[in-house]
Amino acid sequence: MRAVIQRVSRAEVTVDGVTVGACGAGLLVLLGIVTDDGPTEAARLAARVARLRIFENDDGRFDRSVVDVAGEVLVVSQFTLASDSGRQKGTRPDFSKAARPEVAEPLYARFCEELRGLGVPVSTGAFGARMEVSLVNDGPVTIVLDVETGSAGTAARSAPDPEGTRG
């Protein structure tokens, strides 16, 4: 399971011109679910997102989570995050690792419920719909979290921090 997390001042998702989900200050989470993911991965990733310290404390250091700052989260499903570019031979992405909708949708809902259970206000996009997502990225701060199926931990990747603002 992969999440691209963006710290936002606000975010909104629309379908056919109608707003279906929105959040104020907090996080926009783009969520990709792969074939081997299950409820355990959804729970682990939700816990990691809720505790991820990417909000500044009074000293300007990343030391506060979305829970600590009473932020909101907008979760949008995005199967394209499951693309496998490492095996790509041409110019078309390979989405064979993306979970089928009948598997992914309940895991998407589980991830959102796990976040809510941790005290995070969650709004969602419309699973499987063609959506327009707009956001104001705060920082900008963008983090990628991967939870490997069956592993005890997560792998995090982020852009370099030339200004040394990370704790």
Protein backbone atom coordinates (compact mmCIF):
# COMPACT_ATOMS: atom_id res chain seq x y z
CA MET A 1 0.00 0.00 0.00
CA ARG A 2 1.36 3.39 -0.93
CA ALA A 3 0.36 6.85 0.23
CA VAL A 4 1.49 10.15 -1.21
CA ILE A 5 0.89 12.62 1.61
CA GLN A 6 0.79 16.36 1.06
CA ARG A 7 0.53 18.86 3.89
CA VAL A 8 -2.19 21.27 2.81
CA SER A 9 -3.85 24.51 3.84
CA ARG A 10 -6.95 23.14 2.13
CA ALA A 11 -7.93 20.52 -0.44
CA GLU A 12 -11.04 19.58 -2.37
CA VAL A 13 -12.15 16.82 -4.70
CA THR A 14 -14.95 17.19 -7.22
CA VAL A 15 -16.78 14.76 -9.48
CA ASP A 16 -18.69 16.22 -12.43
CA GLY A 17 -18.30 19.70 -10.94
CA VAL A 18 -19.77 18.71 -7.55
CA THR A 19 -17.61 18.77 -4.42
CA VAL A 20 -17.63 15.29 -2.88
CA GLY A 21 -14.89 15.79 -0.29
CA ALA A 22 -12.84 18.59 1.23
CA CYS A 23 -10.58 19.40 4.13
CA GLY A 24 -9.10 22.45 5.77
CA ALA A 25 -5.58 22.54 7.16
CA GLY A 26 -4.15 19.06 7.39
CA LEU A 27 -3.26 16.36 4.88
CA LEU A 28 -4.24 15.23 1.42
CA VAL A 29 -3.58 11.48 1.14
CA LEU A 30 -3.49 9.87 -2.30
CA LEU A 31 -3.86 6.13 -1.61
CA GLY A 32 -2.75 3.29 -3.88
CA ILE A 33 -3.63 -0.30 -3.03
CA VAL A 34 -1.78 -3.28 -4.50
CA THR A 35 -2.91 -6.86 -5.04
CA ASP A 36 -1.39 -8.34 -1.86
CA ASP A 37 -2.63 -5.64 0.53
CA GLY A 38 -5.07 -6.48 3.29
CA PRO A 39 -6.62 -5.02 6.44
CA THR A 40 -3.32 -5.24 8.33
CA GLU A 41 -1.59 -2.96 5.82
CA ALA A 42 -4.51 -0.52 5.91
CA ALA A 43 -4.32 -0.30 9.70
CA ARG A 44 -0.52 0.08 9.77
CA LEU A 45 -0.51 2.78 7.12
CA ALA A 46 -3.36 4.70 8.78
CA ALA A 47 -1.48 4.66 12.10
CA ARG A 48 1.67 5.88 10.40
CA VAL A 49 -0.18 8.71 8.62
CA ALA A 50 -1.89 9.81 11.85
CA ARG A 51 1.45 9.92 13.72
CA LEU A 52 3.61 11.33 10.91
CA ARG A 53 5.32 14.42 12.33
CA ILE A 54 5.35 16.87 9.42
CA PHE A 55 3.89 19.92 11.14
CA GLU A 56 6.18 22.44 12.79
CA ASN A 57 6.44 23.02 16.51
CA ASP A 58 7.14 26.46 17.98
CA ASP A 59 10.82 26.09 17.02
CA GLY A 60 9.97 25.44 13.37
CA ARG A 61 10.97 21.76 13.54
CA PHE A 62 8.83 18.92 12.18
CA ASP A 63 7.59 17.58 15.50
CA ARG A 64 3.78 17.52 15.35
CA SER A 65 1.32 15.15 13.70
CA VAL A 66 -2.06 15.81 12.13
CA VAL A 67 -3.56 14.57 15.40
CA ASP A 68 -1.41 17.00 17.42
CA VAL A 69 -2.52 19.99 15.33
CA ALA A 70 -6.18 18.89 15.16
CA GLY A 71 -5.92 18.78 11.37
CA GLU A 72 -8.21 17.18 8.83
CA VAL A 73 -7.46 14.57 6.16
CA LEU A 74 -8.84 14.18 2.66
CA VAL A 75 -8.24 10.66 1.31
CA VAL A 76 -8.41 10.06 -2.45
CA SER A 77 -8.02 6.64 -4.05
CA GLN A 78 -5.44 6.57 -6.82
CA PHE A 79 -4.74 3.20 -8.43
CA THR A 80 -1.98 4.72 -10.59
CA LEU A 81 0.25 4.76 -7.48
CA ALA A 82 0.46 0.99 -7.89
CA SER A 83 2.20 1.31 -11.25
CA ASP A 84 5.38 -0.71 -11.68
CA SER A 85 7.79 1.41 -13.68
CA GLY A 86 10.72 -0.90 -12.90
CA ARG A 87 9.33 -3.55 -15.23
CA GLN A 88 8.19 -1.03 -17.79
CA LYS A 89 9.68 -1.74 -21.22
CA GLY A 90 8.01 1.01 -23.18
CA THR A 91 6.26 4.23 -22.36
CA ARG A 92 3.01 2.80 -20.96
CA PRO A 93 2.89 2.22 -17.17
CA ASP A 94 2.16 -1.31 -15.93
CA PHE A 95 -0.78 -1.37 -13.50
CA SER A 96 -0.89 -5.15 -13.02
CA LYS A 97 0.02 -4.77 -9.32
CA ALA A 98 -3.00 -2.54 -8.63
CA ALA A 99 -5.69 -4.28 -6.61
CA ARG A 100 -8.95 -4.92 -8.42
CA PRO A 101 -11.77 -2.55 -7.42
CA GLU A 102 -13.69 -5.20 -5.48
CA VAL A 103 -10.58 -5.73 -3.31
CA ALA A 104 -9.33 -2.14 -3.20
CA GLU A 105 -12.58 -0.39 -2.28
CA PRO A 106 -13.09 -2.18 1.07
CA LEU A 107 -9.41 -1.60 1.93
CA TYR A 108 -9.75 2.08 1.04
CA ALA A 109 -12.78 2.27 3.37
CA ARG A 110 -10.85 0.37 6.06
CA PHE A 111 -7.91 2.81 5.83
CA CYS A 112 -10.33 5.75 6.28
CA GLU A 113 -12.09 4.08 9.22
CA GLU A 114 -8.75 3.34 10.89
CA LEU A 115 -7.82 7.03 10.61
CA ARG A 116 -11.18 8.05 12.06
CA GLY A 117 -10.65 5.59 14.90
CA LEU A 118 -7.42 7.44 15.72
CA GLY A 119 -9.36 10.68 16.12
CA VAL A 120 -8.67 12.16 12.69
CA PRO A 121 -11.53 13.88 10.84
CA VAL A 122 -11.59 12.23 7.39
CA SER A 123 -13.26 13.25 4.16
CA THR A 124 -13.02 11.15 1.01
CA GLY A 125 -13.15 11.28 -2.74
CA ALA A 126 -15.45 9.02 -4.76
CA PHE A 127 -13.81 5.61 -5.20
CA GLY A 128 -13.38 4.67 -8.84
CA ALA A 129 -14.69 7.98 -10.19
CA ARG A 130 -12.86 10.41 -12.42
CA MET A 131 -12.04 13.16 -9.95
CA GLU A 132 -10.54 16.63 -10.01
CA VAL A 133 -8.38 17.27 -6.96
CA SER A 134 -7.35 20.79 -6.03
CA LEU A 135 -5.12 21.71 -3.14
CA VAL A 136 -2.95 24.36 -1.61
CA ASN A 137 0.25 22.56 -0.64
CA ASP A 138 1.62 23.99 2.61
CA GLY A 139 5.42 24.17 2.59
CA PRO A 140 5.42 22.42 0.21
CA VAL A 141 5.68 19.19 2.15
CA THR A 142 5.15 15.92 0.29
CA ILE A 143 6.00 12.49 1.73
CA VAL A 144 5.67 9.02 0.21
CA LEU A 145 4.95 6.12 2.59
CA ASP A 146 4.96 2.48 1.52
CA VAL A 147 3.74 -0.41 3.64
CA GLU A 148 5.01 -3.70 2.33
CA THR A 149 2.61 -6.62 2.58
CA GLY A 150 3.41 -8.75 5.59
CA SER A 151 6.25 -6.53 6.83
CA ALA A 152 6.30 -5.13 10.33
CA GLY A 153 7.28 -1.62 9.29
CA THR A 154 7.01 0.97 6.63
CA ALA A 155 9.46 2.53 4.25
CA ALA A 156 9.42 6.30 3.89
CA ARG A 157 10.88 8.34 1.07
CA SER A 158 10.89 12.06 0.79
CA ALA A 159 12.63 14.78 -1.14
CA PRO A 160 15.94 16.12 0.19
CA ASP A 161 15.73 18.84 2.82
CA PRO A 162 18.25 21.50 1.77
CA GLU A 163 17.13 23.99 4.42
CA GLY A 164 17.48 21.51 7.28
CA THR A 165 13.91 22.02 8.49
CA ARG A 166 13.38 18.33 9.27
CA GLY A 167 13.91 17.19 12.85
